[in-house]
Protein backbone atom coordinates (compact mmCIF):
# COMPACT_ATOMS: atom_id res chain seq x y z
CA MET A 1 -16.01 43.15 18.23
CA ASN A 2 -14.11 44.96 15.48
CA PRO A 3 -12.69 42.95 12.58
CA LYS A 4 -8.96 42.25 12.89
CA VAL A 5 -6.61 42.25 9.90
CA PHE A 6 -2.91 41.79 9.30
CA ILE A 7 -1.17 43.73 6.52
CA SER A 8 1.62 42.05 4.58
CA TYR A 9 3.72 44.45 2.49
CA SER A 10 7.21 45.40 1.37
CA TRP A 11 9.10 48.17 3.15
CA HIS A 12 10.56 49.17 -0.20
CA PRO A 13 10.43 51.68 -1.65
CA LYS A 14 10.18 53.86 1.45
CA GLU A 15 7.05 55.54 0.07
CA ASN A 16 5.30 52.16 0.08
CA LYS A 17 5.91 51.72 3.80
CA ILE A 18 4.51 55.21 4.42
CA ARG A 19 1.41 54.55 2.29
CA VAL A 20 0.75 51.25 4.05
CA GLN A 21 0.98 52.94 7.44
CA GLN A 22 -1.48 55.61 6.22
CA LEU A 23 -3.84 52.88 5.01
CA ALA A 24 -3.59 51.12 8.37
CA GLU A 25 -4.38 54.36 10.20
CA ARG A 26 -7.44 54.97 7.97
CA LEU A 27 -8.67 51.42 8.59
CA MET A 28 -8.27 51.90 12.33
CA ASP A 29 -10.20 55.18 12.13
CA ASP A 30 -12.99 53.14 10.50
CA GLY A 31 -13.04 50.61 13.33
CA VAL A 32 -10.76 47.89 11.96
CA ASP A 33 -8.22 46.40 14.38
CA VAL A 34 -5.01 46.43 12.32
CA VAL A 35 -1.87 44.43 13.08
CA LEU A 36 1.14 45.99 11.39
CA ASP A 37 4.71 44.86 11.97
CA ILE A 38 6.04 48.37 12.65
CA TRP A 39 3.51 48.68 15.50
CA SER A 40 3.34 45.13 16.80
CA LEU A 41 6.75 43.50 16.27
CA LYS A 42 8.93 44.46 19.20
CA ASP A 43 12.72 44.64 19.22
CA GLY A 44 14.17 41.24 19.97
CA GLN A 45 11.09 39.30 18.86
CA ASP A 46 11.58 36.66 16.20
CA LYS A 47 10.09 38.17 13.05
CA TYR A 48 9.49 34.77 11.48
CA VAL A 49 7.48 33.55 14.47
CA PHE A 50 5.56 36.85 14.40
CA MET A 51 4.73 36.49 10.69
CA GLU A 52 3.62 32.88 11.05
CA LYS A 53 1.44 33.76 14.03
CA MET A 54 -0.21 36.62 12.12
CA VAL A 55 -1.10 34.43 9.14
CA GLU A 56 -2.34 31.54 11.30
CA ASP A 57 -4.02 33.54 14.12
CA PRO A 58 -7.75 32.64 14.19
CA ASP A 59 -8.60 36.14 15.52
CA ILE A 60 -7.22 37.70 12.34
CA LYS A 61 -10.08 37.48 9.89
CA LYS A 62 -8.29 38.85 6.83
CA VAL A 63 -4.74 39.29 5.59
CA LEU A 64 -4.32 42.29 3.31
CA VAL A 65 -1.46 41.75 0.87
CA ILE A 66 -0.22 45.09 -0.46
CA CYS A 67 1.53 44.10 -3.67
CA ASN A 68 4.05 46.16 -5.58
CA LYS A 69 7.01 45.25 -7.78
CA ASP A 70 9.34 44.80 -4.77
CA TYR A 71 6.79 42.61 -2.99
CA ALA A 72 6.34 40.39 -6.05
CA GLU A 73 10.09 39.97 -6.58
CA LYS A 74 10.72 39.11 -2.92
CA ALA A 75 7.78 36.70 -2.85
CA ASP A 76 8.86 34.99 -6.08
CA ASN A 77 12.45 34.67 -4.86
CA ARG A 78 11.52 33.88 -1.24
CA LYS A 79 13.65 36.81 -0.01
CA GLY A 80 13.37 38.66 3.27
CA GLY A 81 10.26 39.01 5.36
CA VAL A 82 8.00 39.11 2.31
CA GLY A 83 9.46 35.81 1.10
CA THR A 84 8.78 34.24 4.48
CA GLU A 85 5.25 35.63 4.69
CA SER A 86 4.41 34.52 1.16
CA THR A 87 5.65 31.00 1.92
CA ILE A 88 3.48 30.85 5.04
CA MET A 89 0.49 32.32 3.19
CA SER A 90 0.89 29.87 0.30
CA ASP A 91 0.72 26.97 2.73
CA GLU A 92 -2.33 28.49 4.43
CA ILE A 93 -4.12 29.21 1.16
CA TYR A 94 -3.56 25.79 -0.35
CA SER A 95 -3.87 23.53 2.66
CA LYS A 96 -5.59 25.08 5.66
CA ALA A 97 -7.30 28.44 5.39
CA GLU A 98 -10.24 29.60 3.41
CA GLN A 99 -9.05 31.36 0.30
CA THR A 100 -11.34 34.23 1.19
CA SER A 101 -9.00 35.24 4.03
CA PHE A 102 -6.33 36.74 1.78
CA PHE A 103 -6.81 39.94 -0.21
CA PRO A 104 -4.14 41.10 -2.64
């Protein structure tokens, strides 16, 4: 079975979103099962439920956190999807999950 990862990242700037998608495609070419919001989150789905499920899903062995200035600011200020994901990840890191599951 191929390893499964979720990628947490900021859509801004636009180039970051493009680079993350390219990274995800390279990982998939190398046999990694990648969950990426732009591929897996369908219109009408609750993005907060999706993010929580991705961070807590036992099938997802690693969460790759692609950090840039926008990501850090949103995480620090708990803004947008990044703010939600970072809140969920913080809880997982400090109370439930092994700290080896998250890679910045």
